[in-house]
Amino acid sequence: VKRAWRVRCASMSKSCKGMLDDYLACVEQSPCVKKQKFSLTSCAKGTDGASVPEACAVKRANYFSCRKGQLDMRSRLRGNKGY
Protein backbone atom coordinates (compact mmCIF):
# COMPACT_ATOMS: atom_id res chain seq x y z
CA VAL A 1 0.00 0.00 0.00
CA LYS A 2 2.87 2.34 0.79
CA ARG A 3 4.12 1.91 -2.75
CA ALA A 4 0.82 3.15 -4.21
CA TRP A 5 1.20 6.43 -2.31
CA ARG A 6 4.77 6.81 -3.53
CA VAL A 7 3.84 6.19 -7.16
CA ARG A 8 0.92 8.61 -6.94
CA CYS A 9 3.12 11.38 -5.51
CA ALA A 10 6.17 10.75 -7.71
CA SER A 11 5.43 13.68 -10.00
CA MET A 12 5.23 16.32 -7.27
CA SER A 13 7.93 18.80 -6.44
CA LYS A 14 10.65 17.57 -4.15
CA SER A 15 10.35 20.38 -1.59
CA CYS A 16 7.50 18.58 0.25
CA LYS A 17 8.81 15.05 -0.19
CA GLY A 18 10.47 14.91 3.23
CA MET A 19 7.25 15.97 4.90
CA LEU A 20 5.31 13.31 3.02
CA ASP A 21 7.83 10.65 4.06
CA ASP A 22 7.56 11.71 7.72
CA TYR A 23 3.77 11.65 7.57
CA LEU A 24 3.60 8.22 5.96
CA ALA A 25 6.13 6.82 8.43
CA CYS A 26 4.06 8.20 11.31
CA VAL A 27 0.87 6.64 9.96
CA GLU A 28 2.67 3.35 9.33
CA GLN A 29 3.84 3.21 12.97
CA SER A 30 0.45 4.23 14.37
CA PRO A 31 -1.82 1.82 16.27
CA CYS A 32 -4.35 2.24 13.46
CA VAL A 33 -2.15 0.21 11.11
CA LYS A 34 -0.31 -1.98 13.61
CA LYS A 35 -2.99 -3.03 16.11
CA GLN A 36 -6.31 -2.33 14.41
CA LYS A 37 -5.07 -3.73 11.06
CA PHE A 38 -6.52 -0.94 8.90
CA SER A 39 -4.83 -0.24 5.58
CA LEU A 40 -2.41 2.67 5.29
CA THR A 41 -4.78 4.41 2.91
CA SER A 42 -7.82 4.22 5.18
CA CYS A 43 -5.79 5.38 8.19
CA ALA A 44 -4.32 8.30 6.25
CA LYS A 45 -7.73 9.37 4.93
CA GLY A 46 -9.55 8.65 8.19
CA THR A 47 -12.21 6.47 6.57
CA ASP A 48 -13.94 3.41 8.03
CA GLY A 49 -13.57 4.68 11.59
CA ALA A 50 -9.78 4.69 11.37
CA SER A 51 -7.95 7.46 13.19
CA VAL A 52 -4.32 8.43 13.65
CA PRO A 53 -2.57 10.04 16.66
CA GLU A 54 -2.38 13.82 17.04
CA ALA A 55 1.31 13.83 16.06
CA CYS A 56 0.41 12.37 12.67
CA ALA A 57 -2.39 14.90 12.25
CA VAL A 58 0.12 17.72 12.78
CA LYS A 59 2.48 16.21 10.20
CA ARG A 60 -0.45 15.91 7.79
CA ALA A 61 -1.36 19.58 8.29
CA ASN A 62 2.27 20.61 7.71
CA TYR A 63 2.42 18.55 4.54
CA PHE A 64 -0.80 20.04 3.17
CA SER A 65 0.34 23.58 3.96
CA CYS A 66 3.55 22.82 2.05
CA ARG A 67 1.50 21.59 -0.90
CA LYS A 68 -0.68 24.69 -0.69
CA GLY A 69 2.46 26.80 -0.76
CA GLN A 70 3.41 25.24 -4.08
CA LEU A 71 0.26 26.69 -5.63
CA ASP A 72 0.47 30.12 -3.98
CA MET A 73 2.19 32.58 -6.33
CA ARG A 74 3.86 34.51 -3.53
CA SER A 75 5.39 31.37 -2.10
CA ARG A 76 6.43 30.22 -5.52
CA LEU A 77 8.43 33.39 -6.07
CA ARG A 78 10.07 33.28 -2.64
CA GLY A 79 10.47 29.53 -2.60
CA ASN A 80 8.53 26.98 -0.63
CA LYS A 81 9.53 26.36 2.97
CA GLY A 82 10.24 22.65 2.81
CA TYR A 83 12.92 20.27 3.99
PDB file of N, CA and C in Angstrom:
ATOM      1  N   VAL A   1       0.840  -1.187   0.000  1.00  0.00           N
ATOM      2  CA  VAL A   1       0.000   0.000   0.000  1.00  0.00           C
ATOM      3  C   VAL A   1       0.881   1.245   0.000  1.00  0.00           C
ATOM      4  N   LYS A   2       1.972   1.196   0.732  1.00  0.00           N
ATOM      5  CA  LYS A   2       2.873   2.343   0.786  1.00  0.00           C
ATOM      6  C   LYS A   2       3.391   2.687  -0.603  1.00  0.00           C
ATOM      7  N   ARG A   3       3.611   1.687  -1.408  1.00  0.00           N
ATOM      8  CA  ARG A   3       4.123   1.909  -2.754  1.00  0.00           C
ATOM      9  C   ARG A   3       3.132   2.696  -3.609  1.00  0.00           C
ATOM     10  N   ALA A   4       1.842   2.431  -3.438  1.00  0.00           N
ATOM     11  CA  ALA A   4       0.824   3.148  -4.210  1.00  0.00           C
ATOM     12  C   ALA A   4       0.879   4.643  -3.909  1.00  0.00           C
ATOM     13  N   TRP A   5       1.090   5.008  -2.663  1.00  0.00           N
ATOM     14  CA  TRP A   5       1.205   6.430  -2.314  1.00  0.00           C
ATOM     15  C   TRP A   5       2.440   7.033  -2.949  1.00  0.00           C
ATOM     16  N   ARG A   6       3.519   6.291  -2.957  1.00  0.00           N
ATOM     17  CA  ARG A   6       4.768   6.805  -3.526  1.00  0.00           C
ATOM     18  C   ARG A   6       4.629   7.021  -5.032  1.00  0.00           C
ATOM     19  N   VAL A   7       4.007   6.075  -5.716  1.00  0.00           N
ATOM     20  CA  VAL A   7       3.837   6.192  -7.163  1.00  0.00           C
ATOM     21  C   VAL A   7       2.928   7.366  -7.483  1.00  0.00           C
ATOM     22  N   ARG A   8       1.879   7.537  -6.706  1.00  0.00           N
ATOM     23  CA  ARG A   8       0.922   8.614  -6.940  1.00  0.00           C
ATOM     24  C   ARG A   8       1.560   9.988  -6.754  1.00  0.00           C
ATOM     25  N   CYS A   9       2.507  10.088  -5.830  1.00  0.00           N
ATOM     26  CA  CYS A   9       3.115  11.377  -5.514  1.00  0.00           C
ATOM     27  C   CYS A   9       4.479  11.549  -6.171  1.00  0.00           C
ATOM     28  N   ALA A  10       4.845  10.696  -7.098  1.00  0.00           N
ATOM     29  CA  ALA A  10       6.167  10.752  -7.707  1.00  0.00           C
ATOM     30  C   ALA A  10       6.359  11.994  -8.560  1.00  0.00           C
ATOM     31  N   SER A  11       5.290  12.552  -9.092  1.00  0.00           N
ATOM     32  CA  SER A  11       5.428  13.680  -9.999  1.00  0.00           C
ATOM     33  C   SER A  11       5.446  15.028  -9.287  1.00  0.00           C
ATOM     34  N   MET A  12       5.277  15.041  -7.968  1.00  0.00           N
ATOM     35  CA  MET A  12       5.231  16.318  -7.266  1.00  0.00           C
ATOM     36  C   MET A  12       6.632  16.890  -7.074  1.00  0.00           C
ATOM     37  N   SER A  13       6.672  18.148  -6.705  1.00  0.00           N
ATOM     38  CA  SER A  13       7.934  18.804  -6.443  1.00  0.00           C
ATOM     39  C   SER A  13       8.614  18.162  -5.240  1.00  0.00           C
ATOM     40  N   LYS A  14       9.916  18.228  -5.205  1.00  0.00           N
ATOM     41  CA  LYS A  14      10.654  17.566  -4.149  1.00  0.00           C
ATOM     42  C   LYS A  14      10.715  18.349  -2.842  1.00  0.00           C
ATOM     43  N   SER A  15      10.237  19.593  -2.810  1.00  0.00           N
ATOM     44  CA  SER A  15      10.349  20.377  -1.588  1.00  0.00           C
ATOM     45  C   SER A  15       9.456  19.849  -0.472  1.00  0.00           C
ATOM     46  N   CYS A  16       8.407  19.127  -0.779  1.00  0.00           N
ATOM     47  CA  CYS A  16       7.503  18.581   0.245  1.00  0.00           C
ATOM     48  C   CYS A  16       7.701  17.084   0.454  1.00  0.00           C
ATOM     49  N   LYS A  17       8.631  16.488  -0.246  1.00  0.00           N
ATOM     50  CA  LYS A  17       8.812  15.046  -0.193  1.00  0.00           C
ATOM     51  C   LYS A  17       9.212  14.564   1.194  1.00  0.00           C
ATOM     52  N   GLY A  18      10.059  15.298   1.878  1.00  0.00           N
ATOM     53  CA  GLY A  18      10.472  14.906   3.228  1.00  0.00           C
ATOM     54  C   GLY A  18       9.304  14.916   4.197  1.00  0.00           C
ATOM     55  N   MET A  19       8.432  15.897   4.041  1.00  0.00           N
ATOM     56  CA  MET A  19       7.251  15.971   4.901  1.00  0.00           C
ATOM     57  C   MET A  19       6.305  14.812   4.628  1.00  0.00           C
ATOM     58  N   LEU A  20       6.160  14.442   3.369  1.00  0.00           N
ATOM     59  CA  LEU A  20       5.310  13.306   3.024  1.00  0.00           C
ATOM     60  C   LEU A  20       5.889  12.019   3.605  1.00  0.00           C
ATOM     61  N   ASP A  21       7.194  11.846   3.512  1.00  0.00           N
ATOM     62  CA  ASP A  21       7.828  10.649   4.061  1.00  0.00           C
ATOM     63  C   ASP A  21       7.632  10.556   5.567  1.00  0.00           C
ATOM     64  N   ASP A  22       7.775  11.686   6.270  1.00  0.00           N
ATOM     65  CA  ASP A  22       7.559  11.707   7.717  1.00  0.00           C
ATOM     66  C   ASP A  22       6.119  11.360   8.066  1.00  0.00           C
ATOM     67  N   TYR A  23       5.188  11.916   7.319  1.00  0.00           N
ATOM     68  CA  TYR A  23       3.771  11.655   7.574  1.00  0.00           C
ATOM     69  C   TYR A  23       3.433  10.190   7.348  1.00  0.00           C
ATOM     70  N   LEU A  24       3.890   9.623   6.247  1.00  0.00           N
ATOM     71  CA  LEU A  24       3.598   8.220   5.960  1.00  0.00           C
ATOM     72  C   LEU A  24       4.255   7.284   6.969  1.00  0.00           C
ATOM     73  N   ALA A  25       5.464   7.631   7.408  1.00  0.00           N
ATOM     74  CA  ALA A  25       6.125   6.817   8.430  1.00  0.00           C
ATOM     75  C   ALA A  25       5.356   6.873   9.746  1.00  0.00           C
ATOM     76  N   CYS A  26       4.844   8.042  10.084  1.00  0.00           N
ATOM     77  CA  CYS A  26       4.059   8.198  11.306  1.00  0.00           C
ATOM     78  C   CYS A  26       2.785   7.362  11.238  1.00  0.00           C
ATOM     79  N   VAL A  27       2.106   7.415  10.116  1.00  0.00           N
ATOM     80  CA  VAL A  27       0.870   6.638   9.958  1.00  0.00           C
ATOM     81  C   VAL A  27       1.178   5.146   9.977  1.00  0.00           C
ATOM     82  N   GLU A  28       2.293   4.767   9.367  1.00  0.00           N
ATOM     83  CA  GLU A  28       2.671   3.354   9.330  1.00  0.00           C
ATOM     84  C   GLU A  28       2.958   2.806  10.728  1.00  0.00           C
ATOM     85  N   GLN A  29       3.507   3.636  11.609  1.00  0.00           N
ATOM     86  CA  GLN A  29       3.839   3.210  12.968  1.00  0.00           C
ATOM     87  C   GLN A  29       2.683   3.383  13.944  1.00  0.00           C
ATOM     88  N   SER A  30       1.579   3.943  13.487  1.00  0.00           N
ATOM     89  CA  SER A  30       0.450   4.226  14.374  1.00  0.00           C
ATOM     90  C   SER A  30      -0.297   2.944  14.748  1.00  0.00           C
ATOM     91  N   PRO A  31      -1.020   2.980  15.872  1.00  0.00           N
ATOM     92  CA  PRO A  31      -1.822   1.816  16.272  1.00  0.00           C
ATOM     93  C   PRO A  31      -2.923   1.485  15.261  1.00  0.00           C
ATOM     94  N   CYS A  32      -3.319   2.460  14.476  1.00  0.00           N
ATOM     95  CA  CYS A  32      -4.353   2.238  13.461  1.00  0.00           C
ATOM     96  C   CYS A  32      -3.915   1.150  12.475  1.00  0.00           C
ATOM     97  N   VAL A  33      -2.667   1.187  12.066  1.00  0.00           N
ATOM     98  CA  VAL A  33      -2.148   0.206  11.108  1.00  0.00           C
ATOM     99  C   VAL A  33      -1.663  -1.048  11.832  1.00  0.00           C
ATOM    100  N   LYS A  34      -0.942  -0.852  12.936  1.00  0.00           N
ATOM    101  CA  LYS A  34      -0.307  -1.981  13.610  1.00  0.00           C
ATOM    102  C   LYS A  34      -1.285  -2.850  14.396  1.00  0.00           C
ATOM    103  N   LYS A  35      -2.123  -2.242  15.236  1.00  0.00           N
ATOM    104  CA  LYS A  35      -2.991  -3.030  16.108  1.00  0.00           C
ATOM    105  C   LYS A  35      -4.378  -3.256  15.525  1.00  0.00           C
ATOM    106  N   GLN A  36      -4.944  -2.211  14.918  1.00  0.00           N
ATOM    107  CA  GLN A  36      -6.309  -2.328  14.410  1.00  0.00           C
ATOM    108  C   GLN A  36      -6.365  -2.914  13.003  1.00  0.00           C
ATOM    109  N   LYS A  37      -5.200  -3.077  12.374  1.00  0.00           N
ATOM    110  CA  LYS A  37      -5.070  -3.727  11.057  1.00  0.00           C
ATOM    111  C   LYS A  37      -5.842  -3.029   9.930  1.00  0.00           C
ATOM    112  N   PHE A  38      -5.962  -1.695  10.012  1.00  0.00           N
ATOM    113  CA  PHE A  38      -6.520  -0.942   8.895  1.00  0.00           C
ATOM    114  C   PHE A  38      -5.434  -0.764   7.846  1.00  0.00           C
ATOM    115  N   SER A  39      -5.826  -0.490   6.620  1.00  0.00           N
ATOM    116  CA  SER A  39      -4.828  -0.242   5.579  1.00  0.00           C
ATOM    117  C   SER A  39      -4.232   1.151   5.776  1.00  0.00           C
ATOM    118  N   LEU A  40      -3.077   1.369   5.196  1.00  0.00           N
ATOM    119  CA  LEU A  40      -2.407   2.668   5.290  1.00  0.00           C
ATOM    120  C   LEU A  40      -3.272   3.756   4.672  1.00  0.00           C
ATOM    121  N   THR A  41      -3.931   3.432   3.593  1.00  0.00           N
ATOM    122  CA  THR A  41      -4.782   4.407   2.909  1.00  0.00           C
ATOM    123  C   THR A  41      -5.964   4.818   3.768  1.00  0.00           C
ATOM    124  N   SER A  42      -6.649   3.865   4.373  1.00  0.00           N
ATOM    125  CA  SER A  42      -7.819   4.216   5.183  1.00  0.00           C
ATOM    126  C   SER A  42      -7.413   4.951   6.449  1.00  0.00           C
ATOM    127  N   CYS A  43      -6.257   4.640   7.012  1.00  0.00           N
ATOM    128  CA  CYS A  43      -5.789   5.380   8.189  1.00  0.00           C
ATOM    129  C   CYS A  43      -5.402   6.805   7.810  1.00  0.00           C
ATOM    130  N   ALA A  44      -4.749   6.972   6.678  1.00  0.00           N
ATOM    131  CA  ALA A  44      -4.323   8.302   6.249  1.00  0.00           C
ATOM    132  C   ALA A  44      -5.520   9.180   5.904  1.00  0.00           C
ATOM    133  N   LYS A  45      -6.542   8.595   5.303  1.00  0.00           N
ATOM    134  CA  LYS A  45      -7.729   9.366   4.933  1.00  0.00           C
ATOM    135  C   LYS A  45      -8.724   9.494   6.077  1.00  0.00           C
ATOM    136  N   GLY A  46      -8.626   8.614   7.074  1.00  0.00           N
ATOM    137  CA  GLY A  46      -9.552   8.647   8.192  1.00  0.00           C
ATOM    138  C   GLY A  46     -10.898   8.037   7.880  1.00  0.00           C
ATOM    139  N   THR A  47     -10.944   7.121   6.931  1.00  0.00           N
ATOM    140  CA  THR A  47     -12.205   6.473   6.568  1.00  0.00           C
ATOM    141  C   THR A  47     -12.401   5.193   7.378  1.00  0.00           C
ATOM    142  N   ASP A  48     -13.591   4.669   7.370  1.00  0.00           N
ATOM    143  CA  ASP A  48     -13.942   3.406   8.028  1.00  0.00           C
ATOM    144  C   ASP A  48     -13.700   3.428   9.537  1.00  0.00           C
ATOM    145  N   GLY A  49     -13.776   4.584  10.150  1.00  0.00           N
ATOM    146  CA  GLY A  49     -13.574   4.684  11.590  1.00  0.00           C
ATOM    147  C   GLY A  49     -12.118   4.649  12.009  1.00  0.00           C
ATOM    148  N   ALA A  50     -11.206   4.709  11.059  1.00  0.00           N
ATOM    149  CA  ALA A  50      -9.776   4.694  11.367  1.00  0.00           C
ATOM    150  C   ALA A  50      -9.332   6.091  11.768  1.00  0.00           C
ATOM    151  N   SER A  51      -8.479   6.152  12.769  1.00  0.00           N
ATOM    152  CA  SER A  51      -7.952   7.456  13.187  1.00  0.00           C
ATOM    153  C   SER A  51      -6.474   7.318  13.531  1.00  0.00           C
ATOM    154  N   VAL A  52      -5.751   8.413  13.383  1.00  0.00           N
ATOM    155  CA  VAL A  52      -4.319   8.429  13.654  1.00  0.00           C
ATOM    156  C   VAL A  52      -4.047   9.338  14.855  1.00  0.00           C
ATOM    157  N   PRO A  53      -2.891   9.189  15.515  1.00  0.00           N
ATOM    158  CA  PRO A  53      -2.568  10.042  16.658  1.00  0.00           C
ATOM    159  C   PRO A  53      -2.441  11.515  16.264  1.00  0.00           C
ATOM    160  N   GLU A  54      -2.468  12.374  17.261  1.00  0.00           N
ATOM    161  CA  GLU A  54      -2.384  13.821  17.038  1.00  0.00           C
ATOM    162  C   GLU A  54      -1.068  14.211  16.360  1.00  0.00           C
ATOM    163  N   ALA A  55       0.008  13.518  16.685  1.00  0.00           N
ATOM    164  CA  ALA A  55       1.305  13.827  16.062  1.00  0.00           C
ATOM    165  C   ALA A  55       1.241  13.640  14.549  1.00  0.00           C
ATOM    166  N   CYS A  56       0.551  12.609  14.115  1.00  0.00           N
ATOM    167  CA  CYS A  56       0.410  12.372  12.674  1.00  0.00           C
ATOM    168  C   CYS A  56      -0.492  13.426  12.037  1.00  0.00           C
ATOM    169  N   ALA A  57      -1.503  13.865  12.772  1.00  0.00           N
ATOM    170  CA  ALA A  57      -2.391  14.900  12.247  1.00  0.00           C
ATOM    171  C   ALA A  57      -1.638  16.208  12.041  1.00  0.00           C
ATOM    172  N   VAL A  58      -0.705  16.512  12.929  1.00  0.00           N
ATOM    173  CA  VAL A  58       0.122  17.717  12.781  1.00  0.00           C
ATOM    174  C   VAL A  58       1.023  17.590  11.563  1.00  0.00           C
ATOM    175  N   LYS A  59       1.616  16.433  11.374  1.00  0.00           N
ATOM    176  CA  LYS A  59       2.476  16.212  10.201  1.00  0.00           C
ATOM    177  C   LYS A  59       1.667  16.297   8.917  1.00  0.00           C
ATOM    178  N   ARG A  60       0.428  15.821   8.961  1.00  0.00           N
ATOM    179  CA  ARG A  60      -0.450  15.908   7.793  1.00  0.00           C
ATOM    180  C   ARG A  60      -0.769  17.366   7.470  1.00  0.00           C
ATOM    181  N   ALA A  61      -1.057  18.159   8.501  1.00  0.00           N
ATOM    182  CA  ALA A  61      -1.358  19.576   8.286  1.00  0.00           C
ATOM    183  C   ALA A  61      -0.140  20.308   7.726  1.00  0.00           C
ATOM    184  N   ASN A  62       1.049  19.986   8.219  1.00  0.00           N
ATOM    185  CA  ASN A  62       2.273  20.608   7.709  1.00  0.00           C
ATOM    186  C   ASN A  62       2.505  20.236   6.245  1.00  0.00           C
ATOM    187  N   TYR A  63       2.248  18.987   5.913  1.00  0.00           N
ATOM    188  CA  TYR A  63       2.418  18.546   4.536  1.00  0.00           C
ATOM    189  C   TYR A  63       1.441  19.264   3.604  1.00  0.00           C
ATOM    190  N   PHE A  64       0.181  19.379   4.028  1.00  0.00           N
ATOM    191  CA  PHE A  64      -0.802  20.036   3.174  1.00  0.00           C
ATOM    192  C   PHE A  64      -0.536  21.534   3.053  1.00  0.00           C
ATOM    193  N   SER A  65      -0.004  22.163   4.098  1.00  0.00           N
ATOM    194  CA  SER A  65       0.340  23.583   3.961  1.00  0.00           C
ATOM    195  C   SER A  65       1.530  23.755   3.023  1.00  0.00           C
ATOM    196  N   CYS A  66       2.435  22.780   3.002  1.00  0.00           N
ATOM    197  CA  CYS A  66       3.547  22.816   2.050  1.00  0.00           C
ATOM    198  C   CYS A  66       3.021  22.679   0.630  1.00  0.00           C
ATOM    199  N   ARG A  67       2.084  21.761   0.424  1.00  0.00           N
ATOM    200  CA  ARG A  67       1.495  21.589  -0.904  1.00  0.00           C
ATOM    201  C   ARG A  67       0.729  22.843  -1.335  1.00  0.00           C
ATOM    202  N   LYS A  68       0.045  23.461  -0.400  1.00  0.00           N
ATOM    203  CA  LYS A  68      -0.684  24.691  -0.694  1.00  0.00           C
ATOM    204  C   LYS A  68       0.291  25.797  -1.100  1.00  0.00           C
ATOM    205  N   GLY A  69       1.441  25.819  -0.445  1.00  0.00           N
ATOM    206  CA  GLY A  69       2.461  26.803  -0.763  1.00  0.00           C
ATOM    207  C   GLY A  69       3.017  26.652  -2.162  1.00  0.00           C
ATOM    208  N   GLN A  70       2.936  25.452  -2.710  1.00  0.00           N
ATOM    209  CA  GLN A  70       3.411  25.244  -4.078  1.00  0.00           C
ATOM    210  C   GLN A  70       2.480  25.882  -5.096  1.00  0.00           C
ATOM    211  N   LEU A  71       1.231  26.084  -4.714  1.00  0.00           N
ATOM    212  CA  LEU A  71       0.263  26.687  -5.626  1.00  0.00           C
ATOM    213  C   LEU A  71       0.147  28.196  -5.445  1.00  0.00           C
ATOM    214  N   ASP A  72       0.548  28.697  -4.284  1.00  0.00           N
ATOM    215  CA  ASP A  72       0.470  30.116  -3.982  1.00  0.00           C
ATOM    216  C   ASP A  72       1.582  30.858  -4.728  1.00  0.00           C
ATOM    217  N   MET A  73       1.205  31.869  -5.511  1.00  0.00           N
ATOM    218  CA  MET A  73       2.192  32.579  -6.330  1.00  0.00           C
ATOM    219  C   MET A  73       3.249  33.291  -5.497  1.00  0.00           C
ATOM    220  N   ARG A  74       2.864  33.849  -4.382  1.00  0.00           N
ATOM    221  CA  ARG A  74       3.860  34.513  -3.529  1.00  0.00           C
ATOM    222  C   ARG A  74       4.919  33.538  -3.044  1.00  0.00           C
ATOM    223  N   SER A  75       4.453  32.383  -2.582  1.00  0.00           N
ATOM    224  CA  SER A  75       5.387  31.367  -2.098  1.00  0.00           C
ATOM    225  C   SER A  75       6.237  30.818  -3.228  1.00  0.00           C
ATOM    226  N   ARG A  76       5.664  30.740  -4.393  1.00  0.00           N
ATOM    227  CA  ARG A  76       6.431  30.216  -5.522  1.00  0.00           C
ATOM    228  C   ARG A  76       7.581  31.143  -5.887  1.00  0.00           C
ATOM    229  N   LEU A  77       7.362  32.442  -5.756  1.00  0.00           N
ATOM    230  CA  LEU A  77       8.428  33.392  -6.068  1.00  0.00           C
ATOM    231  C   LEU A  77       9.516  33.370  -5.000  1.00  0.00           C
ATOM    232  N   ARG A  78       9.112  33.283  -3.748  1.00  0.00           N
ATOM    233  CA  ARG A  78      10.068  33.277  -2.636  1.00  0.00           C
ATOM    234  C   ARG A  78      10.684  31.915  -2.397  1.00  0.00           C
ATOM    235  N   GLY A  79      10.005  30.891  -2.856  1.00  0.00           N
ATOM    236  CA  GLY A  79      10.467  29.534  -2.596  1.00  0.00           C
ATOM    237  C   GLY A  79       9.652  28.922  -1.480  1.00  0.00           C
ATOM    238  N   ASN A  80       9.336  27.680  -1.618  1.00  0.00           N
ATOM    239  CA  ASN A  80       8.528  26.978  -0.626  1.00  0.00           C
ATOM    240  C   ASN A  80       9.378  26.613   0.576  1.00  0.00           C
ATOM    241  N   LYS A  81       8.815  26.736   1.762  1.00  0.00           N
ATOM    242  CA  LYS A  81       9.529  26.360   2.968  1.00  0.00           C
ATOM    243  C   LYS A  81       9.364  24.870   3.166  1.00  0.00           C
ATOM    244  N   GLY A  82      10.318  24.107   2.711  1.00  0.00           N
ATOM    245  CA  GLY A  82      10.245  22.651   2.813  1.00  0.00           C
ATOM    246  C   GLY A  82      11.423  22.117   3.589  1.00  0.00           C
ATOM    247  N   TYR A  83      11.787  20.903   3.300  1.00  0.00           N
ATOM    248  CA  TYR A  83      12.924  20.273   3.993  1.00  0.00           C
ATOM    249  C   TYR A  83      14.208  20.708   3.357  1.00  0.00           C
TER     250      TYR A  83
END
